[in-house]
C-alpha atoms as a PDB file:
ATOM      1  CA  UNK A   1      67.946  52.338  66.803  1.00  0.00           C
ATOM      2  CA  UNK A   2      65.492  50.678  69.090  1.00  0.00           C
ATOM      3  CA  UNK A   3      67.977  49.746  71.958  1.00  0.00           C
ATOM      4  CA  UNK A   4      69.860  53.357  71.425  1.00  0.00           C
ATOM      5  CA  UNK A   5      66.019  55.162  72.227  1.00  0.00           C
ATOM      6  CA  UNK A   6      65.272  52.765  74.992  1.00  0.00           C
ATOM      7  CA  UNK A   7      68.919  53.018  76.820  1.00  0.00           C
ATOM      8  CA  UNK A   8      68.624  57.019  76.488  1.00  0.00           C
ATOM      9  CA  UNK A   9      65.053  56.641  77.344  1.00  0.00           C
ATOM     10  CA  UNK A  10      65.716  54.448  80.787  1.00  0.00           C
ATOM     11  CA  UNK A  11      68.541  57.205  81.407  1.00  0.00           C
ATOM     12  CA  UNK A  12      66.165  59.792  81.254  1.00  0.00           C
ATOM     13  CA  UNK A  13      63.394  58.144  83.387  1.00  0.00           C
ATOM     14  CA  UNK A  14      66.079  57.724  86.029  1.00  0.00           C
ATOM     15  CA  UNK A  15      66.631  61.610  86.523  1.00  0.00           C
ATOM     16  CA  UNK A  16      62.786  62.147  86.166  1.00  0.00           C
ATOM     17  CA  UNK A  17      62.483  60.054  89.281  1.00  0.00           C
ATOM     18  CA  UNK A  18      64.658  61.857  91.312  1.00  0.00           C
ATOM     19  CA  UNK A  19      62.033  64.326  90.642  1.00  0.00           C
ATOM     20  CA  UNK A  20      58.885  62.367  91.396  1.00  0.00           C
ATOM     21  CA  UNK A  21      60.167  61.320  94.648  1.00  0.00           C
ATOM     22  CA  UNK A  22      60.905  64.527  95.141  1.00  0.00           C
ATOM     23  CA  UNK A  23      64.704  64.879  95.349  1.00  0.00           C
ATOM     24  CA  UNK A  24      64.487  67.964  93.613  1.00  0.00           C
ATOM     25  CA  UNK A  25      62.056  70.033  91.489  1.00  0.00           C
ATOM     26  CA  UNK A  26      64.690  70.588  88.367  1.00  0.00           C
ATOM     27  CA  UNK A  27      67.772  68.659  87.251  1.00  0.00           C
ATOM     28  CA  UNK A  28      70.259  69.895  85.384  1.00  0.00           C
ATOM     29  CA  UNK A  29      73.532  69.079  83.397  1.00  0.00           C
ATOM     30  CA  UNK A  30      76.578  71.043  85.440  1.00  0.00           C
ATOM     31  CA  UNK A  31      78.445  73.185  83.234  1.00  0.00           C
ATOM     32  CA  UNK A  32      81.776  71.463  84.201  1.00  0.00           C
ATOM     33  CA  UNK A  33      80.641  68.209  82.915  1.00  0.00           C
ATOM     34  CA  UNK A  34      79.014  69.637  79.570  1.00  0.00           C
ATOM     35  CA  UNK A  35      82.347  71.556  78.782  1.00  0.00           C
ATOM     36  CA  UNK A  36      84.344  68.130  79.802  1.00  0.00           C
ATOM     37  CA  UNK A  37      82.191  65.892  77.887  1.00  0.00           C
ATOM     38  CA  UNK A  38      82.349  68.234  74.778  1.00  0.00           C
ATOM     39  CA  UNK A  39      86.006  68.227  75.187  1.00  0.00           C
ATOM     40  CA  UNK A  40      86.572  64.011  75.385  1.00  0.00           C
ATOM     41  CA  UNK A  41      84.048  64.214  72.312  1.00  0.00           C
ATOM     42  CA  UNK A  42      85.583  66.593  70.052  1.00  0.00           C
ATOM     43  CA  UNK A  43      88.547  64.727  70.745  1.00  0.00           C
ATOM     44  CA  UNK A  44      87.687  61.013  70.299  1.00  0.00           C
ATOM     45  CA  UNK A  45      85.412  62.740  67.679  1.00  0.00           C
ATOM     46  CA  UNK A  46      88.608  63.265  65.396  1.00  0.00           C
ATOM     47  CA  UNK A  47      89.756  60.038  65.423  1.00  0.00           C
ATOM     48  CA  UNK A  48      86.631  58.389  63.595  1.00  0.00           C
ATOM     49  CA  UNK A  49      86.033  57.961  60.020  1.00  0.00           C
ATOM     50  CA  UNK A  50      83.872  61.079  59.925  1.00  0.00           C
ATOM     51  CA  UNK A  51      86.726  63.156  60.417  1.00  0.00           C
ATOM     52  CA  UNK A  52      88.884  62.172  57.216  1.00  0.00           C
ATOM     53  CA  UNK A  53      87.825  64.983  55.155  1.00  0.00           C
ATOM     54  CA  UNK A  54      84.376  64.324  53.695  1.00  0.00           C
ATOM     55  CA  UNK A  55      81.371  66.493  53.578  1.00  0.00           C
ATOM     56  CA  UNK A  56      79.108  65.165  55.679  1.00  0.00           C
ATOM     57  CA  UNK A  57      75.734  65.907  57.487  1.00  0.00           C
ATOM     58  CA  UNK A  58      77.182  64.684  60.417  1.00  0.00           C
ATOM     59  CA  UNK A  59      80.299  67.275  61.089  1.00  0.00           C
ATOM     60  CA  UNK A  60      79.137  70.966  63.166  1.00  0.00           C
ATOM     61  CA  UNK A  61      80.638  73.999  61.744  1.00  0.00           C
ATOM     62  CA  UNK A  62      83.636  73.309  62.601  1.00  0.00           C
ATOM     63  CA  UNK A  63      84.118  70.314  61.147  1.00  0.00           C
ATOM     64  CA  UNK A  64      83.805  67.909  63.902  1.00  0.00           C
ATOM     65  CA  UNK A  65      81.471  65.430  63.660  1.00  0.00           C
ATOM     66  CA  UNK A  66      78.586  64.916  65.529  1.00  0.00           C
ATOM     67  CA  UNK A  67      77.688  61.726  65.900  1.00  0.00           C
ATOM     68  CA  UNK A  68      78.571  58.885  69.029  1.00  0.00           C
ATOM     69  CA  UNK A  69      82.743  59.022  68.776  1.00  0.00           C
ATOM     70  CA  UNK A  70      82.833  55.971  71.372  1.00  0.00           C
ATOM     71  CA  UNK A  71      82.155  52.070  71.347  1.00  0.00           C
ATOM     72  CA  UNK A  72      78.643  50.890  71.265  1.00  0.00           C
ATOM     73  CA  UNK A  73      79.836  49.559  74.445  1.00  0.00           C
ATOM     74  CA  UNK A  74      80.666  52.598  75.985  1.00  0.00           C
ATOM     75  CA  UNK A  75      77.608  53.867  75.104  1.00  0.00           C
ATOM     76  CA  UNK A  76      75.599  51.490  76.587  1.00  0.00           C
ATOM     77  CA  UNK A  77      77.892  51.874  80.036  1.00  0.00           C
ATOM     78  CA  UNK A  78      77.487  55.304  80.251  1.00  0.00           C
ATOM     79  CA  UNK A  79      73.336  55.249  79.796  1.00  0.00           C
ATOM     80  CA  UNK A  80      73.358  52.511  82.662  1.00  0.00           C
ATOM     81  CA  UNK A  81      72.851  55.572  85.138  1.00  0.00           C
ATOM     82  CA  UNK A  82      73.096  59.322  85.409  1.00  0.00           C
ATOM     83  CA  UNK A  83      76.275  60.399  86.910  1.00  0.00           C
ATOM     84  CA  UNK A  84      74.683  62.619  89.830  1.00  0.00           C
ATOM     85  CA  UNK A  85      78.267  64.503  90.664  1.00  0.00           C
ATOM     86  CA  UNK A  86      77.303  65.736  86.405  1.00  0.00           C
ATOM     87  CA  UNK A  87      74.560  67.084  87.715  1.00  0.00           C
ATOM     88  CA  UNK A  88      73.076  70.679  89.213  1.00  0.00           C
ATOM     89  CA  UNK A  89      69.688  69.375  91.469  1.00  0.00           C
ATOM     90  CA  UNK A  90      67.378  72.788  92.344  1.00  0.00           C
ATOM     91  CA  UNK A  91      64.993  72.730  94.650  1.00  0.00           C
END
């Protein structure tokens, strides 16, 4: 879990750097990117062990697992650098 936290922190700090260097004052994920990610996550989650009919706190109110559904390799790749096309930068 420490590596997960470190990867997430490094990712977040890359976004904070955009604010610190004056690129923008506010960064937020775009609605399109958020919706696309949630659709992909929901589809992938249905293929995990958590979607086999168990009762678990990993399931949301729709019965969709909330855990990361992809490999750790994919997580590491996603956390390497923000896709700035997925964010709205505001002055």
